[in-house]
N, C-alpha and C. Protein backbone atom coordinates (compact mmCIF):
# COMPACT_ATOMS: atom_id res chain seq x y z
N UNK A 1 -24.50 3.33 36.22
CA UNK A 1 -24.22 2.20 35.72
C UNK A 1 -24.68 2.40 33.82
N UNK A 2 -23.45 2.41 32.90
CA UNK A 2 -23.66 2.99 31.52
C UNK A 2 -24.68 1.83 30.89
N UNK A 3 -25.54 2.27 30.20
CA UNK A 3 -26.39 1.36 29.29
C UNK A 3 -25.55 1.18 27.63
N UNK A 4 -25.79 -0.22 27.43
CA UNK A 4 -24.98 -0.36 26.05
C UNK A 4 -26.17 0.05 25.21
N UNK A 5 -25.82 0.19 24.00
CA UNK A 5 -26.65 0.88 23.11
C UNK A 5 -26.47 -0.53 21.68
N UNK A 6 -27.32 -0.97 21.41
CA UNK A 6 -27.52 -1.99 20.53
C UNK A 6 -27.10 -1.05 18.37
N UNK A 7 -26.09 -1.56 18.23
CA UNK A 7 -25.66 -1.31 16.97
C UNK A 7 -26.81 -0.98 16.06
N UNK A 8 -27.05 -0.31 15.08
CA UNK A 8 -28.31 -0.23 14.12
C UNK A 8 -27.23 -0.50 13.16
N UNK A 9 -27.79 -0.64 12.09
CA UNK A 9 -27.34 -1.27 10.61
C UNK A 9 -26.48 -0.21 10.06
N UNK A 10 -26.83 1.21 9.94
CA UNK A 10 -26.31 2.12 9.62
C UNK A 10 -24.66 2.25 10.88
N UNK A 11 -24.75 1.93 12.00
CA UNK A 11 -23.41 1.80 12.51
C UNK A 11 -22.75 1.50 11.93
N UNK A 12 -23.13 -0.29 11.48
CA UNK A 12 -22.36 -1.13 10.80
C UNK A 12 -22.10 -1.04 9.51
N UNK A 13 -22.17 -0.48 9.09
CA UNK A 13 -22.09 -0.01 7.26
C UNK A 13 -20.60 1.18 7.35
N UNK A 14 -20.02 0.80 6.14
CA UNK A 14 -18.85 1.57 6.14
C UNK A 14 -19.56 1.93 4.57
N UNK A 15 -19.82 3.57 4.38
CA UNK A 15 -20.26 4.46 3.13
C UNK A 15 -19.42 4.39 2.31
N UNK A 16 -19.65 4.32 0.80
CA UNK A 16 -18.46 5.26 0.29
C UNK A 16 -19.48 5.75 -0.95
N UNK A 17 -18.64 7.00 -1.10
CA UNK A 17 -19.92 7.56 -2.49
C UNK A 17 -20.03 6.73 -4.37
N UNK A 18 -21.64 7.06 -4.58
CA UNK A 18 -21.56 5.99 -5.46
C UNK A 18 -21.35 4.38 -5.45
N UNK A 19 -21.16 3.84 -4.35
CA UNK A 19 -21.23 2.97 -3.76
C UNK A 19 -22.51 1.97 -4.23
N UNK A 20 -23.60 2.50 -4.10
CA UNK A 20 -25.12 1.94 -4.49
C UNK A 20 -24.98 1.74 -5.78
N UNK A 21 -24.34 2.45 -6.60
CA UNK A 21 -24.03 2.22 -8.00
C UNK A 21 -23.67 0.98 -8.92
N UNK A 22 -22.63 0.36 -7.90
CA UNK A 22 -21.75 -0.68 -8.53
C UNK A 22 -22.09 -2.08 -8.25
N UNK A 23 -22.22 -3.41 -9.38
CA UNK A 23 -22.35 -4.70 -9.25
C UNK A 23 -21.58 -4.93 -7.69
N UNK A 24 -21.82 -6.09 -7.50
CA UNK A 24 -21.05 -6.53 -6.41
C UNK A 24 -19.15 -6.83 -6.91
N UNK A 25 -19.24 -7.27 -7.93
CA UNK A 25 -18.12 -7.43 -8.61
C UNK A 25 -17.47 -6.04 -8.95
N UNK A 26 -17.65 -5.13 -8.81
CA UNK A 26 -16.99 -4.09 -9.04
C UNK A 26 -16.57 -2.90 -7.80
N UNK A 27 -17.35 -3.75 -6.62
CA UNK A 27 -16.86 -3.36 -5.25
C UNK A 27 -15.84 -3.89 -4.75
N UNK A 28 -14.85 -3.29 -3.85
CA UNK A 28 -13.56 -3.29 -3.49
C UNK A 28 -14.03 -4.11 -2.27
N UNK A 29 -13.12 -5.66 -1.55
CA UNK A 29 -13.61 -5.94 -0.12
C UNK A 29 -13.09 -4.60 0.63
N UNK A 30 -13.71 -4.62 1.72
CA UNK A 30 -12.83 -3.23 2.90
C UNK A 30 -12.66 -4.55 3.95
N UNK A 31 -11.13 -4.79 4.24
CA UNK A 31 -10.92 -5.68 5.43
C UNK A 31 -12.30 -5.11 6.91
N UNK A 32 -12.42 -6.58 7.42
CA UNK A 32 -13.26 -6.58 8.26
C UNK A 32 -12.65 -6.29 9.88
N UNK A 33 -12.88 -5.41 10.48
CA UNK A 33 -11.70 -5.61 11.95
C UNK A 33 -12.49 -6.02 12.63
N UNK A 34 -13.57 -6.75 13.13
CA UNK A 34 -14.25 -7.45 13.77
C UNK A 34 -15.03 -6.36 14.28
N UNK A 35 -15.69 -6.83 15.52
CA UNK A 35 -16.49 -6.12 16.41
C UNK A 35 -17.95 -5.55 15.70
N UNK A 36 -18.64 -6.27 14.76
CA UNK A 36 -19.68 -6.08 14.29
C UNK A 36 -20.50 -7.27 14.46
N UNK A 37 -21.37 -7.11 14.38
CA UNK A 37 -22.24 -8.72 13.94
C UNK A 37 -22.42 -9.17 12.72
N UNK A 38 -22.38 -10.03 12.52
CA UNK A 38 -22.88 -11.07 11.07
C UNK A 38 -24.05 -10.63 10.41
N UNK A 39 -24.33 -10.29 9.40
CA UNK A 39 -25.58 -10.01 8.61
C UNK A 39 -26.48 -11.00 9.05
N UNK A 40 -28.16 -10.46 9.10
CA UNK A 40 -28.66 -11.59 9.53
C UNK A 40 -29.50 -11.70 7.84
N UNK A 41 -30.03 -12.79 8.19
CA UNK A 41 -31.16 -13.35 7.51
C UNK A 41 -31.23 -12.17 6.48
N UNK A 42 -31.62 -11.49 6.90
CA UNK A 42 -33.17 -10.41 6.08
C UNK A 42 -31.96 -9.90 4.98
N UNK A 43 -30.61 -9.27 5.92
CA UNK A 43 -29.74 -8.78 5.24
C UNK A 43 -29.05 -9.58 4.17
N UNK A 44 -28.75 -11.11 4.06
CA UNK A 44 -27.98 -12.03 3.64
C UNK A 44 -28.70 -12.07 2.24
N UNK A 45 -29.88 -12.12 2.33
CA UNK A 45 -30.55 -12.24 1.10
C UNK A 45 -30.85 -11.76 -0.19
N UNK A 46 -30.50 -10.04 -0.13
CA UNK A 46 -30.25 -9.80 -1.15
C UNK A 46 -29.22 -9.79 -1.92
N UNK A 47 -28.24 -10.08 -1.41
CA UNK A 47 -26.80 -10.73 -1.58
C UNK A 47 -26.92 -11.56 -2.39
N UNK A 48 -27.40 -12.80 -2.00
CA UNK A 48 -28.05 -13.88 -2.48
C UNK A 48 -28.31 -14.01 -3.60
N UNK A 49 -29.06 -12.82 -4.01
CA UNK A 49 -30.01 -12.41 -5.13
C UNK A 49 -28.56 -12.21 -6.20
N UNK A 50 -27.66 -11.36 -6.03
CA UNK A 50 -26.41 -10.63 -6.34
C UNK A 50 -25.50 -11.70 -7.40
N UNK A 51 -25.24 -12.76 -6.46
CA UNK A 51 -24.18 -13.39 -7.05
C UNK A 51 -24.94 -14.85 -7.96
N UNK A 52 -24.07 -15.58 -8.41
CA UNK A 52 -24.61 -16.69 -9.01
C UNK A 52 -25.31 -17.73 -8.31
N UNK A 53 -26.38 -18.65 -8.79
CA UNK A 53 -27.24 -19.29 -8.11
C UNK A 53 -27.16 -20.59 -7.83
N UNK A 54 -25.54 -21.25 -8.13
CA UNK A 54 -24.78 -21.93 -7.79
C UNK A 54 -24.36 -21.93 -5.85
N UNK A 55 -23.93 -20.28 -5.88
CA UNK A 55 -23.80 -20.39 -4.25
C UNK A 55 -25.12 -20.70 -3.13
N UNK A 56 -24.66 -21.76 -2.11
CA UNK A 56 -25.23 -22.09 -1.05
C UNK A 56 -25.08 -21.24 0.17
N UNK A 57 -26.26 -21.07 0.78
CA UNK A 57 -25.98 -20.48 1.70
C UNK A 57 -26.03 -21.50 3.25
N UNK A 58 -25.16 -21.43 3.76
CA UNK A 58 -24.99 -22.63 4.99
C UNK A 58 -25.22 -21.84 6.21
N UNK A 59 -26.20 -22.98 6.72
CA UNK A 59 -26.75 -22.00 8.35
C UNK A 59 -26.15 -21.06 8.93
N UNK A 60 -26.89 -19.59 7.58
CA UNK A 60 -26.87 -18.34 7.45
C UNK A 60 -24.97 -18.08 8.18
N UNK A 61 -24.37 -18.89 8.09
CA UNK A 61 -23.10 -18.64 8.55
C UNK A 61 -21.99 -18.37 7.27
N UNK A 62 -22.12 -19.03 6.30
CA UNK A 62 -21.05 -18.76 5.30
C UNK A 62 -21.74 -19.52 3.66
N UNK A 63 -21.23 -18.80 2.49
CA UNK A 63 -21.79 -19.73 1.31
C UNK A 63 -20.51 -20.30 0.43
N UNK A 64 -21.03 -21.39 0.31
CA UNK A 64 -20.10 -22.20 -0.94
C UNK A 64 -20.56 -22.59 -2.25
N UNK A 65 -19.69 -23.01 -2.82
CA UNK A 65 -20.15 -23.31 -4.10
C UNK A 65 -18.89 -24.44 -4.63
N UNK A 66 -19.45 -25.69 -5.04
CA UNK A 66 -18.66 -26.41 -5.92
C UNK A 66 -18.22 -26.07 -7.52
N UNK A 67 -17.56 -25.94 -7.98
CA UNK A 67 -16.95 -25.75 -9.45
C UNK A 67 -16.44 -27.03 -9.93
N UNK A 68 -17.04 -27.71 -11.23
CA UNK A 68 -16.67 -28.66 -11.61
C UNK A 68 -15.78 -28.28 -13.19
N UNK A 69 -14.11 -29.62 -13.03
CA UNK A 69 -13.72 -29.42 -14.11
C UNK A 69 -13.55 -30.55 -14.86
N UNK A 70 -12.85 -30.56 -16.21
CA UNK A 70 -12.44 -31.85 -17.36
C UNK A 70 -11.57 -32.59 -16.17
N UNK A 71 -10.66 -32.04 -15.65
CA UNK A 71 -9.41 -32.90 -14.93
C UNK A 71 -8.95 -31.83 -14.21
N UNK A 72 -7.45 -32.47 -13.38
CA UNK A 72 -7.46 -32.02 -12.16
C UNK A 72 -6.47 -30.42 -12.75
N UNK A 73 -5.45 -30.57 -13.94
CA UNK A 73 -5.17 -29.29 -14.30
C UNK A 73 -5.92 -27.80 -14.42
N UNK A 74 -7.36 -28.67 -14.68
CA UNK A 74 -8.35 -26.94 -14.74
C UNK A 74 -8.69 -26.72 -13.54
N UNK A 75 -8.45 -27.72 -12.82
CA UNK A 75 -9.56 -27.38 -11.26
C UNK A 75 -8.45 -26.58 -10.87
N UNK A 76 -7.30 -27.06 -10.77
CA UNK A 76 -5.68 -26.12 -10.11
C UNK A 76 -5.82 -25.01 -10.55
N UNK A 77 -5.62 -24.84 -11.97
CA UNK A 77 -5.54 -23.55 -12.68
C UNK A 77 -6.47 -22.69 -12.00
N UNK A 78 -7.80 -22.60 -11.75
CA UNK A 78 -8.82 -22.04 -11.29
C UNK A 78 -8.86 -21.77 -10.02
N UNK A 79 -8.06 -22.56 -9.49
CA UNK A 79 -8.17 -22.29 -8.06
C UNK A 79 -6.97 -21.44 -7.83
N UNK A 80 -5.71 -21.32 -8.88
CA UNK A 80 -4.59 -20.20 -8.37
C UNK A 80 -5.21 -18.95 -9.33
N UNK A 81 -6.26 -18.66 -9.70
CA UNK A 81 -7.14 -17.49 -10.40
C UNK A 81 -7.70 -17.09 -9.28
N UNK A 82 -8.55 -17.91 -8.86
CA UNK A 82 -9.42 -17.53 -7.36
C UNK A 82 -8.24 -17.17 -6.52
N UNK A 83 -7.21 -17.82 -6.30
CA UNK A 83 -6.76 -17.36 -4.74
C UNK A 83 -6.07 -15.90 -5.36
N UNK A 84 -5.61 -15.63 -6.53
CA UNK A 84 -5.02 -14.46 -6.50
C UNK A 84 -6.11 -13.25 -6.34
N UNK A 85 -7.28 -13.48 -6.70
CA UNK A 85 -8.52 -12.41 -6.22
C UNK A 85 -8.89 -12.44 -5.22
N UNK A 86 -8.61 -13.31 -4.06
CA UNK A 86 -8.59 -13.13 -2.91
C UNK A 86 -7.19 -12.28 -2.39
N UNK A 87 -6.08 -12.49 -3.03
CA UNK A 87 -4.63 -11.89 -2.50
C UNK A 87 -5.32 -9.98 -3.15
N UNK A 88 -5.37 -9.90 -3.96
CA UNK A 88 -5.61 -8.93 -4.40
C UNK A 88 -7.02 -7.71 -3.42
N UNK A 89 -8.01 -8.99 -2.87
CA UNK A 89 -8.77 -8.05 -1.94
C UNK A 89 -8.68 -8.09 -0.33
N UNK A 90 -7.92 -8.84 -0.15
CA UNK A 90 -7.65 -9.32 0.98
C UNK A 90 -8.27 -9.91 1.97
N UNK A 91 -9.01 -10.78 0.95
CA UNK A 91 -10.20 -11.31 1.72
C UNK A 91 -9.67 -13.00 1.54
N UNK A 92 -9.66 -13.74 1.94
CA UNK A 92 -9.39 -15.33 1.56
C UNK A 92 -10.70 -16.48 1.76
N UNK A 93 -10.83 -16.78 1.14
CA UNK A 93 -11.74 -18.38 1.22
C UNK A 93 -11.24 -19.64 1.32
N UNK A 94 -12.01 -20.53 1.47
CA UNK A 94 -11.20 -21.96 1.90
C UNK A 94 -11.92 -22.56 0.44
N UNK A 95 -10.71 -23.21 0.28
CA UNK A 95 -10.78 -24.25 -1.26
C UNK A 95 -10.51 -25.65 -0.59
N UNK A 96 -11.23 -26.47 -1.44
CA UNK A 96 -11.33 -27.90 -1.36
C UNK A 96 -10.72 -28.21 -3.00
N UNK A 97 -9.64 -28.56 -2.77
CA UNK A 97 -9.38 -29.38 -4.52
C UNK A 97 -9.20 -30.69 -4.33
N UNK A 98 -9.88 -31.13 -5.54
CA UNK A 98 -9.90 -32.96 -6.13
C UNK A 98 -9.71 -32.50 -7.69
N UNK A 99 -9.55 -33.94 -8.38
CA UNK A 99 -9.86 -33.95 -9.47
C UNK A 99 -11.07 -33.16 -10.08
N UNK A 100 -10.90 -32.23 -10.82
CA UNK A 100 -11.89 -31.87 -11.84
C UNK A 100 -13.18 -31.50 -10.89
N UNK A 101 -12.84 -31.00 -9.53
CA UNK A 101 -13.47 -30.52 -8.31
C UNK A 101 -13.20 -29.32 -7.77
N UNK A 102 -13.44 -28.24 -7.32
CA UNK A 102 -12.88 -27.49 -6.12
C UNK A 102 -14.38 -26.87 -5.76
N UNK A 103 -14.43 -26.74 -4.02
CA UNK A 103 -15.33 -26.55 -3.58
C UNK A 103 -14.95 -25.10 -3.04
N UNK A 104 -15.61 -23.78 -2.64
CA UNK A 104 -15.20 -22.90 -2.31
C UNK A 104 -16.11 -22.33 -1.26
N UNK A 105 -15.55 -21.90 0.01
CA UNK A 105 -16.25 -21.49 1.11
C UNK A 105 -15.93 -20.47 1.46
N UNK A 106 -16.48 -19.27 1.57
CA UNK A 106 -16.58 -17.66 2.00
C UNK A 106 -17.10 -17.62 3.37
N UNK A 107 -16.49 -16.58 4.18
CA UNK A 107 -16.96 -16.01 5.55
C UNK A 107 -16.07 -15.29 5.89
N UNK A 108 -16.42 -14.45 6.69
CA UNK A 108 -15.54 -13.56 7.64
C UNK A 108 -15.29 -14.13 8.52
N UNK A 109 -14.29 -14.79 8.97
CA UNK A 109 -13.59 -15.40 10.27
C UNK A 109 -13.58 -14.75 11.33
N UNK A 110 -12.88 -13.04 11.63
CA UNK A 110 -12.94 -12.40 12.59
C UNK A 110 -14.55 -12.12 13.03
N UNK A 111 -15.40 -12.08 12.30
CA UNK A 111 -17.29 -12.23 13.13
C UNK A 111 -17.66 -13.59 12.92
N UNK A 112 -17.10 -14.71 12.69
CA UNK A 112 -17.35 -16.10 12.21
C UNK A 112 -19.11 -15.83 11.65
N UNK A 113 -18.85 -15.22 10.47
CA UNK A 113 -20.23 -15.18 9.87
C UNK A 113 -19.77 -14.29 8.71
N UNK A 114 -21.16 -13.94 8.41
CA UNK A 114 -21.15 -13.23 7.07
C UNK A 114 -21.18 -11.76 6.33
N UNK A 115 -20.52 -11.02 5.73
CA UNK A 115 -20.59 -9.34 5.72
C UNK A 115 -20.70 -9.16 3.92
N UNK A 116 -20.87 -7.96 3.92
CA UNK A 116 -20.76 -7.74 1.95
C UNK A 116 -19.68 -8.06 1.53
N UNK A 117 -18.21 -7.94 2.01
CA UNK A 117 -17.21 -8.03 1.48
C UNK A 117 -17.03 -9.58 0.99
N UNK A 118 -17.98 -10.77 1.84
CA UNK A 118 -18.07 -12.19 1.33
C UNK A 118 -18.57 -11.97 -0.31
N UNK A 119 -19.25 -11.56 -0.16
CA UNK A 119 -20.50 -11.23 -1.04
C UNK A 119 -19.96 -11.03 -2.49
N UNK A 120 -18.68 -9.58 -2.42
CA UNK A 120 -18.16 -9.31 -3.43
C UNK A 120 -16.99 -10.40 -3.57
N UNK A 121 -16.64 -11.29 -2.99
CA UNK A 121 -15.21 -12.13 -3.35
C UNK A 121 -16.14 -12.79 -4.55
N UNK A 122 -17.41 -13.49 -3.85
CA UNK A 122 -17.85 -14.18 -4.40
C UNK A 122 -18.34 -14.05 -5.83
N UNK A 123 -18.91 -12.63 -5.96
CA UNK A 123 -18.95 -12.39 -7.73
C UNK A 123 -17.67 -11.91 -8.57
N UNK A 124 -16.89 -11.59 -7.97
CA UNK A 124 -15.27 -11.95 -8.24
C UNK A 124 -14.99 -13.19 -8.54
N UNK A 125 -15.37 -13.90 -8.41
CA UNK A 125 -15.05 -15.24 -8.33
C UNK A 125 -15.93 -16.09 -9.27
N UNK A 126 -17.39 -15.18 -9.55
CA UNK A 126 -18.31 -15.71 -10.52
C UNK A 126 -17.65 -15.23 -11.68
N UNK A 127 -16.68 -14.33 -11.70
CA UNK A 127 -16.73 -13.79 -13.51
C UNK A 127 -15.06 -14.25 -13.56
N UNK A 128 -14.79 -15.55 -12.96
CA UNK A 128 -13.34 -16.37 -13.57
C UNK A 128 -13.81 -16.95 -14.81
C-alpha cells in the first residue's frame, strides 16, 4: 500500500524569478488548476497586510470589500473597470452592484478558498 505524502508549502507554490521583489499589484494572476489546499490562516495574514485595510477576511474562505460612490453610474463604471482587470488576469471576482455601492468578493472556486492570486486581484482592484 502506497503512503500518501502531505504536500509542503514548497510543493504548492509556483516560483518565478524576481517575483519576491514585486508588489502584489505588479504580479500576474496564475490560474489555479485545483489539487492544492487553500492558504492557511498563517499564510493569509501576510497577504492581508499588503492589500487595503477595508478588505475583510470572511471565515478564512474569501475576502470582500465594499466600495461606496455618489451614484449608480459611478458604481457601474467601477464594476466595469474591475471587471476588465478580472478579464485581463483571467481570475474573476463576484460583484454585488447597487445604487452607490459595490461589494466585491474574491476566492478561488477550484479550491474553495484563498490563494495568492486572490490577493493579487484585490491589490489590482485597489489601484482603480
